[in-house]
Amino acid sequence: MGTKSFIVRGLGNPESFYSCSHGAGRTMSRSQANKTISQEDVVRALNGVYVKAPGNIKDESPQAYKDISEVMSNQADLVEIVTELTPVAVVKG
């Protein structure tokens, strides 16, 4: 919700079955995120991003996911970054 997205071009690496990560991946479960991340932490992480969502969104907070920049760096042999996108709004529900 509050981190970058990327448009990429695959490099056709057969060792990865011509595939790559499609997201950052979670660092904590949804229940762990709901227990450990405060609503204030979510608001701070989404600073400047318009959010319209019913109820709790702590389990989708950026803190519950791996660092996407590190993930992209780790797959530099799989994809070429074409465009980097910054979120401006999140609408859930």
PDB file of N, CA and C in Angstrom:
ATOM      1  N   MET A   1       0.808  -1.203   0.000  1.00  0.00           N
ATOM      2  CA  MET A   1       0.000   0.000   0.000  1.00  0.00           C
ATOM      3  C   MET A   1       0.845   1.259   0.000  1.00  0.00           C
ATOM      4  N   GLY A   2       1.903   1.254   0.740  1.00  0.00           N
ATOM      5  CA  GLY A   2       2.663   2.486   0.878  1.00  0.00           C
ATOM      6  C   GLY A   2       4.047   2.425   0.293  1.00  0.00           C
ATOM      7  N   THR A   3       4.335   1.380  -0.487  1.00  0.00           N
ATOM      8  CA  THR A   3       5.666   1.259  -1.071  1.00  0.00           C
ATOM      9  C   THR A   3       5.583   1.278  -2.593  1.00  0.00           C
ATOM     10  N   LYS A   4       6.720   1.343  -3.208  1.00  0.00           N
ATOM     11  CA  LYS A   4       6.806   1.433  -4.656  1.00  0.00           C
ATOM     12  C   LYS A   4       6.248   0.189  -5.342  1.00  0.00           C
ATOM     13  N   SER A   5       5.874   0.374  -6.591  1.00  0.00           N
ATOM     14  CA  SER A   5       5.560  -0.722  -7.503  1.00  0.00           C
ATOM     15  C   SER A   5       6.471  -0.558  -8.705  1.00  0.00           C
ATOM     16  N   PHE A   6       6.666  -1.631  -9.431  1.00  0.00           N
ATOM     17  CA  PHE A   6       7.575  -1.590 -10.565  1.00  0.00           C
ATOM     18  C   PHE A   6       6.939  -2.218 -11.791  1.00  0.00           C
ATOM     19  N   ILE A   7       7.197  -1.629 -12.930  1.00  0.00           N
ATOM     20  CA  ILE A   7       6.925  -2.270 -14.205  1.00  0.00           C
ATOM     21  C   ILE A   7       8.283  -2.757 -14.685  1.00  0.00           C
ATOM     22  N   VAL A   8       8.355  -4.036 -14.994  1.00  0.00           N
ATOM     23  CA  VAL A   8       9.644  -4.632 -15.340  1.00  0.00           C
ATOM     24  C   VAL A   8       9.572  -5.352 -16.686  1.00  0.00           C
ATOM     25  N   ARG A   9      10.754  -5.616 -17.228  1.00  0.00           N
ATOM     26  CA  ARG A   9      10.885  -6.410 -18.442  1.00  0.00           C
ATOM     27  C   ARG A   9      11.706  -7.634 -18.060  1.00  0.00           C
ATOM     28  N   GLY A  10      11.162  -8.814 -18.314  1.00  0.00           N
ATOM     29  CA  GLY A  10      11.868 -10.041 -17.999  1.00  0.00           C
ATOM     30  C   GLY A  10      13.111 -10.214 -18.847  1.00  0.00           C
ATOM     31  N   LEU A  11      14.148 -10.789 -18.256  1.00  0.00           N
ATOM     32  CA  LEU A  11      15.394 -11.015 -18.961  1.00  0.00           C
ATOM     33  C   LEU A  11      15.499 -12.434 -19.517  1.00  0.00           C
ATOM     34  N   GLY A  12      14.468 -13.245 -19.293  1.00  0.00           N
ATOM     35  CA  GLY A  12      14.446 -14.585 -19.868  1.00  0.00           C
ATOM     36  C   GLY A  12      15.468 -15.531 -19.265  1.00  0.00           C
ATOM     37  N   ASN A  13      15.568 -15.539 -17.947  1.00  0.00           N
ATOM     38  CA  ASN A  13      16.537 -16.398 -17.271  1.00  0.00           C
ATOM     39  C   ASN A  13      15.961 -17.810 -17.108  1.00  0.00           C
ATOM     40  N   PRO A  14      16.522 -18.805 -17.803  1.00  0.00           N
ATOM     41  CA  PRO A  14      15.978 -20.165 -17.703  1.00  0.00           C
ATOM     42  C   PRO A  14      16.167 -20.791 -16.318  1.00  0.00           C
ATOM     43  N   GLU A  15      17.151 -20.328 -15.550  1.00  0.00           N
ATOM     44  CA  GLU A  15      17.384 -20.881 -14.211  1.00  0.00           C
ATOM     45  C   GLU A  15      16.244 -20.544 -13.253  1.00  0.00           C
ATOM     46  N   SER A  16      15.467 -19.518 -13.571  1.00  0.00           N
ATOM     47  CA  SER A  16      14.299 -19.156 -12.742  1.00  0.00           C
ATOM     48  C   SER A  16      13.003 -19.555 -13.442  1.00  0.00           C
ATOM     49  N   PHE A  17      13.121 -20.412 -14.453  1.00  0.00           N
ATOM     50  CA  PHE A  17      11.965 -20.828 -15.249  1.00  0.00           C
ATOM     51  C   PHE A  17      11.303 -19.618 -15.911  1.00  0.00           C
ATOM     52  N   TYR A  18      12.136 -18.629 -16.281  1.00  0.00           N
ATOM     53  CA  TYR A  18      11.674 -17.418 -16.958  1.00  0.00           C
ATOM     54  C   TYR A  18      10.659 -16.647 -16.116  1.00  0.00           C
ATOM     55  N   SER A  19      10.829 -16.675 -14.791  1.00  0.00           N
ATOM     56  CA  SER A  19       9.886 -16.047 -13.867  1.00  0.00           C
ATOM     57  C   SER A  19      10.635 -15.131 -12.906  1.00  0.00           C
ATOM     58  N   CYS A  20       9.877 -14.385 -12.124  1.00  0.00           N
ATOM     59  CA  CYS A  20      10.447 -13.511 -11.104  1.00  0.00           C
ATOM     60  C   CYS A  20       9.424 -13.320  -9.987  1.00  0.00           C
ATOM     61  N   SER A  21       9.823 -12.634  -8.927  1.00  0.00           N
ATOM     62  CA  SER A  21       8.909 -12.319  -7.834  1.00  0.00           C
ATOM     63  C   SER A  21       7.794 -11.425  -8.350  1.00  0.00           C
ATOM     64  N   HIS A  22       6.592 -11.630  -7.836  1.00  0.00           N
ATOM     65  CA  HIS A  22       5.485 -10.755  -8.232  1.00  0.00           C
ATOM     66  C   HIS A  22       5.098  -9.812  -7.097  1.00  0.00           C
ATOM     67  N   GLY A  23       5.882  -9.799  -6.049  1.00  0.00           N
ATOM     68  CA  GLY A  23       5.641  -8.909  -4.926  1.00  0.00           C
ATOM     69  C   GLY A  23       6.760  -9.052  -3.913  1.00  0.00           C
ATOM     70  N   ALA A  24       6.680  -8.272  -2.865  1.00  0.00           N
ATOM     71  CA  ALA A  24       7.749  -8.287  -1.872  1.00  0.00           C
ATOM     72  C   ALA A  24       7.709  -9.527  -0.993  1.00  0.00           C
ATOM     73  N   GLY A  25       6.531 -10.015  -0.684  1.00  0.00           N
ATOM     74  CA  GLY A  25       6.397 -11.127   0.253  1.00  0.00           C
ATOM     75  C   GLY A  25       6.280 -10.606   1.673  1.00  0.00           C
ATOM     76  N   ARG A  26       5.597 -11.349   2.489  1.00  0.00           N
ATOM     77  CA  ARG A  26       5.332 -10.935   3.865  1.00  0.00           C
ATOM     78  C   ARG A  26       6.511 -11.255   4.774  1.00  0.00           C
ATOM     79  N   THR A  27       6.703 -10.405   5.788  1.00  0.00           N
ATOM     80  CA  THR A  27       7.666 -10.695   6.852  1.00  0.00           C
ATOM     81  C   THR A  27       6.951 -11.168   8.110  1.00  0.00           C
ATOM     82  N   MET A  28       5.637 -10.957   8.152  1.00  0.00           N
ATOM     83  CA  MET A  28       4.852 -11.422   9.300  1.00  0.00           C
ATOM     84  C   MET A  28       3.458 -11.812   8.837  1.00  0.00           C
ATOM     85  N   SER A  29       2.852 -12.715   9.570  1.00  0.00           N
ATOM     86  CA  SER A  29       1.496 -13.156   9.239  1.00  0.00           C
ATOM     87  C   SER A  29       0.505 -12.020   9.475  1.00  0.00           C
ATOM     88  N   ARG A  30      -0.682 -12.190   8.944  1.00  0.00           N
ATOM     89  CA  ARG A  30      -1.724 -11.180   9.150  1.00  0.00           C
ATOM     90  C   ARG A  30      -2.054 -11.028  10.632  1.00  0.00           C
ATOM     91  N   SER A  31      -2.148 -12.146  11.342  1.00  0.00           N
ATOM     92  CA  SER A  31      -2.479 -12.058  12.773  1.00  0.00           C
ATOM     93  C   SER A  31      -1.341 -11.405  13.551  1.00  0.00           C
ATOM     94  N   GLN A  32      -0.096 -11.703  13.189  1.00  0.00           N
ATOM     95  CA  GLN A  32       1.034 -11.065  13.871  1.00  0.00           C
ATOM     96  C   GLN A  32       1.044  -9.562  13.579  1.00  0.00           C
ATOM     97  N   ALA A  33       0.769  -9.184  12.344  1.00  0.00           N
ATOM     98  CA  ALA A  33       0.730  -7.762  11.995  1.00  0.00           C
ATOM     99  C   ALA A  33      -0.357  -7.047  12.787  1.00  0.00           C
ATOM    100  N   ASN A  34      -1.527  -7.649  12.898  1.00  0.00           N
ATOM    101  CA  ASN A  34      -2.617  -7.034  13.661  1.00  0.00           C
ATOM    102  C   ASN A  34      -2.266  -6.869  15.129  1.00  0.00           C
ATOM    103  N   LYS A  35      -1.458  -7.782  15.667  1.00  0.00           N
ATOM    104  CA  LYS A  35      -1.067  -7.704  17.077  1.00  0.00           C
ATOM    105  C   LYS A  35       0.061  -6.714  17.327  1.00  0.00           C
ATOM    106  N   THR A  36       0.986  -6.569  16.370  1.00  0.00           N
ATOM    107  CA  THR A  36       2.220  -5.818  16.643  1.00  0.00           C
ATOM    108  C   THR A  36       2.295  -4.442  16.000  1.00  0.00           C
ATOM    109  N   ILE A  37       1.511  -4.198  14.959  1.00  0.00           N
ATOM    110  CA  ILE A  37       1.565  -2.901  14.275  1.00  0.00           C
ATOM    111  C   ILE A  37       0.417  -2.037  14.767  1.00  0.00           C
ATOM    112  N   SER A  38       0.746  -0.841  15.223  1.00  0.00           N
ATOM    113  CA  SER A  38      -0.300   0.063  15.711  1.00  0.00           C
ATOM    114  C   SER A  38      -0.901   0.835  14.543  1.00  0.00           C
ATOM    115  N   GLN A  39      -2.101   1.345  14.743  1.00  0.00           N
ATOM    116  CA  GLN A  39      -2.751   2.164  13.723  1.00  0.00           C
ATOM    117  C   GLN A  39      -1.909   3.401  13.432  1.00  0.00           C
ATOM    118  N   GLU A  40      -1.250   3.929  14.458  1.00  0.00           N
ATOM    119  CA  GLU A  40      -0.376   5.094  14.277  1.00  0.00           C
ATOM    120  C   GLU A  40       0.797   4.747  13.363  1.00  0.00           C
ATOM    121  N   ASP A  41       1.342   3.513  13.497  1.00  0.00           N
ATOM    122  CA  ASP A  41       2.431   3.068  12.621  1.00  0.00           C
ATOM    123  C   ASP A  41       1.975   3.014  11.172  1.00  0.00           C
ATOM    124  N   VAL A  42       0.748   2.535  10.953  1.00  0.00           N
ATOM    125  CA  VAL A  42       0.196   2.458   9.597  1.00  0.00           C
ATOM    126  C   VAL A  42       0.072   3.858   9.007  1.00  0.00           C
ATOM    127  N   VAL A  43      -0.492   4.764   9.763  1.00  0.00           N
ATOM    128  CA  VAL A  43      -0.674   6.143   9.305  1.00  0.00           C
ATOM    129  C   VAL A  43       0.681   6.763   8.967  1.00  0.00           C
ATOM    130  N   ARG A  44       1.680   6.552   9.814  1.00  0.00           N
ATOM    131  CA  ARG A  44       3.018   7.083   9.576  1.00  0.00           C
ATOM    132  C   ARG A  44       3.616   6.495   8.288  1.00  0.00           C
ATOM    133  N   ALA A  45       3.460   5.183   8.093  1.00  0.00           N
ATOM    134  CA  ALA A  45       4.010   4.516   6.909  1.00  0.00           C
ATOM    135  C   ALA A  45       3.326   4.966   5.625  1.00  0.00           C
ATOM    136  N   LEU A  46       2.065   5.339   5.723  1.00  0.00           N
ATOM    137  CA  LEU A  46       1.300   5.756   4.546  1.00  0.00           C
ATOM    138  C   LEU A  46       1.256   7.266   4.388  1.00  0.00           C
ATOM    139  N   ASN A  47       2.167   7.962   5.032  1.00  0.00           N
ATOM    140  CA  ASN A  47       2.226   9.415   4.991  1.00  0.00           C
ATOM    141  C   ASN A  47       2.174   9.904   3.543  1.00  0.00           C
ATOM    142  N   GLY A  48       1.181  10.739   3.247  1.00  0.00           N
ATOM    143  CA  GLY A  48       1.052  11.302   1.917  1.00  0.00           C
ATOM    144  C   GLY A  48       0.245  10.464   0.950  1.00  0.00           C
ATOM    145  N   VAL A  49      -0.162   9.265   1.337  1.00  0.00           N
ATOM    146  CA  VAL A  49      -0.970   8.395   0.485  1.00  0.00           C
ATOM    147  C   VAL A  49      -2.420   8.496   0.949  1.00  0.00           C
ATOM    148  N   TYR A  50      -3.323   8.810   0.035  1.00  0.00           N
ATOM    149  CA  TYR A  50      -4.749   8.856   0.366  1.00  0.00           C
ATOM    150  C   TYR A  50      -5.240   7.422   0.554  1.00  0.00           C
ATOM    151  N   VAL A  51      -5.915   7.158   1.678  1.00  0.00           N
ATOM    152  CA  VAL A  51      -6.410   5.816   1.975  1.00  0.00           C
ATOM    153  C   VAL A  51      -7.905   5.869   2.233  1.00  0.00           C
ATOM    154  N   LYS A  52      -8.636   5.015   1.525  1.00  0.00           N
ATOM    155  CA  LYS A  52     -10.078   4.833   1.784  1.00  0.00           C
ATOM    156  C   LYS A  52     -10.262   3.333   1.960  1.00  0.00           C
ATOM    157  N   ALA A  53     -10.484   2.929   3.195  1.00  0.00           N
ATOM    158  CA  ALA A  53     -10.612   1.510   3.501  1.00  0.00           C
ATOM    159  C   ALA A  53     -11.500   1.337   4.723  1.00  0.00           C
ATOM    160  N   PRO A  54     -12.414   0.380   4.647  1.00  0.00           N
ATOM    161  CA  PRO A  54     -13.246   0.111   5.816  1.00  0.00           C
ATOM    162  C   PRO A  54     -12.481  -0.730   6.828  1.00  0.00           C
ATOM    163  N   GLY A  55     -12.575  -0.386   8.075  1.00  0.00           N
ATOM    164  CA  GLY A  55     -12.009  -1.217   9.128  1.00  0.00           C
ATOM    165  C   GLY A  55     -10.494  -1.231   9.198  1.00  0.00           C
ATOM    166  N   ASN A  56      -9.997  -2.309   9.735  1.00  0.00           N
ATOM    167  CA  ASN A  56      -8.585  -2.489  10.040  1.00  0.00           C
ATOM    168  C   ASN A  56      -7.778  -2.792   8.780  1.00  0.00           C
ATOM    169  N   ILE A  57      -6.658  -2.100   8.595  1.00  0.00           N
ATOM    170  CA  ILE A  57      -5.767  -2.401   7.481  1.00  0.00           C
ATOM    171  C   ILE A  57      -4.347  -2.683   7.970  1.00  0.00           C
ATOM    172  N   LYS A  58      -4.186  -2.920   9.269  1.00  0.00           N
ATOM    173  CA  LYS A  58      -2.854  -3.157   9.818  1.00  0.00           C
ATOM    174  C   LYS A  58      -2.175  -4.365   9.191  1.00  0.00           C
ATOM    175  N   ASP A  59      -2.960  -5.392   8.829  1.00  0.00           N
ATOM    176  CA  ASP A  59      -2.373  -6.596   8.259  1.00  0.00           C
ATOM    177  C   ASP A  59      -1.823  -6.376   6.848  1.00  0.00           C
ATOM    178  N   GLU A  60      -2.177  -5.257   6.227  1.00  0.00           N
ATOM    179  CA  GLU A  60      -1.665  -4.914   4.897  1.00  0.00           C
ATOM    180  C   GLU A  60      -0.661  -3.762   4.961  1.00  0.00           C
ATOM    181  N   SER A  61      -0.274  -3.378   6.156  1.00  0.00           N
ATOM    182  CA  SER A  61       0.653  -2.274   6.334  1.00  0.00           C
ATOM    183  C   SER A  61       2.008  -2.588   5.696  1.00  0.00           C
ATOM    184  N   PRO A  62       2.702  -1.579   5.193  1.00  0.00           N
ATOM    185  CA  PRO A  62       4.026  -1.812   4.603  1.00  0.00           C
ATOM    186  C   PRO A  62       4.996  -2.523   5.555  1.00  0.00           C
ATOM    187  N   GLN A  63       4.823  -2.318   6.861  1.00  0.00           N
ATOM    188  CA  GLN A  63       5.714  -2.961   7.834  1.00  0.00           C
ATOM    189  C   GLN A  63       5.564  -4.477   7.857  1.00  0.00           C
ATOM    190  N   ALA A  64       4.486  -5.002   7.312  1.00  0.00           N
ATOM    191  CA  ALA A  64       4.241  -6.447   7.305  1.00  0.00           C
ATOM    192  C   ALA A  64       4.890  -7.139   6.110  1.00  0.00           C
ATOM    193  N   TYR A  65       5.573  -6.368   5.271  1.00  0.00           N
ATOM    194  CA  TYR A  65       6.172  -6.897   4.042  1.00  0.00           C
ATOM    195  C   TYR A  65       7.672  -6.662   3.989  1.00  0.00           C
ATOM    196  N   LYS A  66       8.340  -7.445   3.165  1.00  0.00           N
ATOM    197  CA  LYS A  66       9.773  -7.268   2.925  1.00  0.00           C
ATOM    198  C   LYS A  66      10.007  -5.937   2.220  1.00  0.00           C
ATOM    199  N   ASP A  67      11.234  -5.476   2.287  1.00  0.00           N
ATOM    200  CA  ASP A  67      11.636  -4.238   1.609  1.00  0.00           C
ATOM    201  C   ASP A  67      11.668  -4.502   0.103  1.00  0.00           C
ATOM    202  N   ILE A  68      10.767  -3.868  -0.650  1.00  0.00           N
ATOM    203  CA  ILE A  68      10.661  -4.121  -2.086  1.00  0.00           C
ATOM    204  C   ILE A  68      11.920  -3.713  -2.841  1.00  0.00           C
ATOM    205  N   SER A  69      12.625  -2.700  -2.376  1.00  0.00           N
ATOM    206  CA  SER A  69      13.871  -2.297  -3.039  1.00  0.00           C
ATOM    207  C   SER A  69      14.913  -3.403  -2.938  1.00  0.00           C
ATOM    208  N   GLU A  70      14.985  -4.056  -1.801  1.00  0.00           N
ATOM    209  CA  GLU A  70      15.912  -5.173  -1.627  1.00  0.00           C
ATOM    210  C   GLU A  70      15.491  -6.367  -2.497  1.00  0.00           C
ATOM    211  N   VAL A  71      14.201  -6.641  -2.556  1.00  0.00           N
ATOM    212  CA  VAL A  71      13.692  -7.733  -3.398  1.00  0.00           C
ATOM    213  C   VAL A  71      14.060  -7.469  -4.859  1.00  0.00           C
ATOM    214  N   MET A  72      13.869  -6.250  -5.319  1.00  0.00           N
ATOM    215  CA  MET A  72      14.195  -5.913  -6.702  1.00  0.00           C
ATOM    216  C   MET A  72      15.691  -6.028  -6.961  1.00  0.00           C
ATOM    217  N   SER A  73      16.478  -5.612  -6.023  1.00  0.00           N
ATOM    218  CA  SER A  73      17.933  -5.730  -6.155  1.00  0.00           C
ATOM    219  C   SER A  73      18.349  -7.197  -6.248  1.00  0.00           C
ATOM    220  N   ASN A  74      17.697  -8.057  -5.465  1.00  0.00           N
ATOM    221  CA  ASN A  74      18.024  -9.479  -5.457  1.00  0.00           C
ATOM    222  C   ASN A  74      17.629 -10.193  -6.737  1.00  0.00           C
ATOM    223  N   GLN A  75      16.763  -9.598  -7.528  1.00  0.00           N
ATOM    224  CA  GLN A  75      16.366 -10.247  -8.777  1.00  0.00           C
ATOM    225  C   GLN A  75      16.815  -9.454 -10.005  1.00  0.00           C
ATOM    226  N   ALA A  76      17.900  -8.736  -9.856  1.00  0.00           N
ATOM    227  CA  ALA A  76      18.442  -7.947 -10.970  1.00  0.00           C
ATOM    228  C   ALA A  76      18.851  -8.825 -12.154  1.00  0.00           C
ATOM    229  N   ASP A  77      19.125 -10.109 -11.913  1.00  0.00           N
ATOM    230  CA  ASP A  77      19.468 -11.024 -13.002  1.00  0.00           C
ATOM    231  C   ASP A  77      18.228 -11.588 -13.689  1.00  0.00           C
ATOM    232  N   LEU A  78      17.048 -11.238 -13.180  1.00  0.00           N
ATOM    233  CA  LEU A  78      15.794 -11.761 -13.728  1.00  0.00           C
ATOM    234  C   LEU A  78      14.983 -10.715 -14.474  1.00  0.00           C
ATOM    235  N   VAL A  79      15.091  -9.452 -14.037  1.00  0.00           N
ATOM    236  CA  VAL A  79      14.273  -8.389 -14.635  1.00  0.00           C
ATOM    237  C   VAL A  79      15.058  -7.099 -14.788  1.00  0.00           C
ATOM    238  N   GLU A  80      14.603  -6.308 -15.733  1.00  0.00           N
ATOM    239  CA  GLU A  80      15.093  -4.946 -15.908  1.00  0.00           C
ATOM    240  C   GLU A  80      13.945  -4.028 -15.491  1.00  0.00           C
ATOM    241  N   ILE A  81      14.207  -3.088 -14.617  1.00  0.00           N
ATOM    242  CA  ILE A  81      13.168  -2.145 -14.188  1.00  0.00           C
ATOM    243  C   ILE A  81      12.941  -1.137 -15.301  1.00  0.00           C
ATOM    244  N   VAL A  82      11.691  -1.058 -15.762  1.00  0.00           N
ATOM    245  CA  VAL A  82      11.307  -0.121 -16.813  1.00  0.00           C
ATOM    246  C   VAL A  82      10.814   1.173 -16.181  1.00  0.00           C
ATOM    247  N   THR A  83       9.953   1.042 -15.172  1.00  0.00           N
ATOM    248  CA  THR A  83       9.367   2.204 -14.503  1.00  0.00           C
ATOM    249  C   THR A  83       9.138   1.896 -13.033  1.00  0.00           C
ATOM    250  N   GLU A  84       9.369   2.882 -12.218  1.00  0.00           N
ATOM    251  CA  GLU A  84       9.116   2.790 -10.775  1.00  0.00           C
ATOM    252  C   GLU A  84       7.923   3.693 -10.463  1.00  0.00           C
ATOM    253  N   LEU A  85       6.933   3.137  -9.781  1.00  0.00           N
ATOM    254  CA  LEU A  85       5.711   3.877  -9.465  1.00  0.00           C
ATOM    255  C   LEU A  85       5.620   4.143  -7.965  1.00  0.00           C
ATOM    256  N   THR A  86       5.146   5.323  -7.610  1.00  0.00           N
ATOM    257  CA  THR A  86       4.943   5.684  -6.207  1.00  0.00           C
ATOM    258  C   THR A  86       3.447   5.795  -5.961  1.00  0.00           C
ATOM    259  N   PRO A  87       2.945   5.139  -4.902  1.00  0.00           N
ATOM    260  CA  PRO A  87       1.504   5.178  -4.651  1.00  0.00           C
ATOM    261  C   PRO A  87       1.027   6.568  -4.235  1.00  0.00           C
ATOM    262  N   VAL A  88      -0.162   6.904  -4.707  1.00  0.00           N
ATOM    263  CA  VAL A  88      -0.793   8.164  -4.290  1.00  0.00           C
ATOM    264  C   VAL A  88      -2.110   7.904  -3.581  1.00  0.00           C
ATOM    265  N   ALA A  89      -2.710   6.710  -3.805  1.00  0.00           N
ATOM    266  CA  ALA A  89      -3.985   6.395  -3.191  1.00  0.00           C
ATOM    267  C   ALA A  89      -4.138   4.887  -3.032  1.00  0.00           C
ATOM    268  N   VAL A  90      -4.867   4.495  -1.982  1.00  0.00           N
ATOM    269  CA  VAL A  90      -5.219   3.102  -1.731  1.00  0.00           C
ATOM    270  C   VAL A  90      -6.714   3.065  -1.461  1.00  0.00           C
ATOM    271  N   VAL A  91      -7.424   2.239  -2.213  1.00  0.00           N
ATOM    272  CA  VAL A  91      -8.858   2.078  -1.999  1.00  0.00           C
ATOM    273  C   VAL A  91      -9.121   0.592  -1.805  1.00  0.00           C
ATOM    274  N   LYS A  92      -9.674   0.227  -0.660  1.00  0.00           N
ATOM    275  CA  LYS A  92      -9.986  -1.163  -0.344  1.00  0.00           C
ATOM    276  C   LYS A  92     -11.448  -1.252   0.065  1.00  0.00           C
ATOM    277  N   GLY A  93     -12.023  -2.401  -0.232  1.00  0.00           N
ATOM    278  CA  GLY A  93     -13.385  -2.615   0.255  1.00  0.00           C
ATOM    279  C   GLY A  93     -14.414  -2.757  -0.794  1.00  0.00           C
TER     280      GLY A  93
END
